Amino acid sequence: MNPSLGGAASASPVIELPIKIPWQQKPKARAPAQVQFASTDAGPDPKLVKAIVRAHVWLGHLSSGQYKSIEDLAVAAGYNAKVIRQGLRLAFLAPTTMESVINGEPSVRLSQIPKLLPLRWRDQHQLFS
């Protein structure tokens, strides 16, 4: 045993080898979110349309008092509360943006809508134009 570790001295020699671990810090800066429109012939994004409908259903459940909180709704829907919170943002899309999404002129993809969508319709118009 090694005496420096509190054990008795041993007859075998201790060999120390340095360990090198390559590591490089990843850059933290990200480009600001930008919305890009798909070509007009692509049609509506079915995932986005489904997410908008689901957001309105969830908002209706919360507004009617059927569920007392987002957490209660999340348990009933089988989702994490964070998923419900992020999904609810789609219930507050500007009517003109929602119409464009549903009609596919031009269609916006679900992955292009930022998680922190501004609630003011004027700010949404600036984001999507």
Foldseek 3Di string as FASTA:
>chain_A
DDVVVVDDDDPDDDDDDDDDDDDDDDDDDDDDAAFDWDDLVPAAAVVLLVLLVVLVVVVVCCVVVVDVDLCRVCVVVVHHSLVNLLSNVSPQADPVLSVCRNGPVPHTYPVRQDSCHDNDNVVVVVRHD
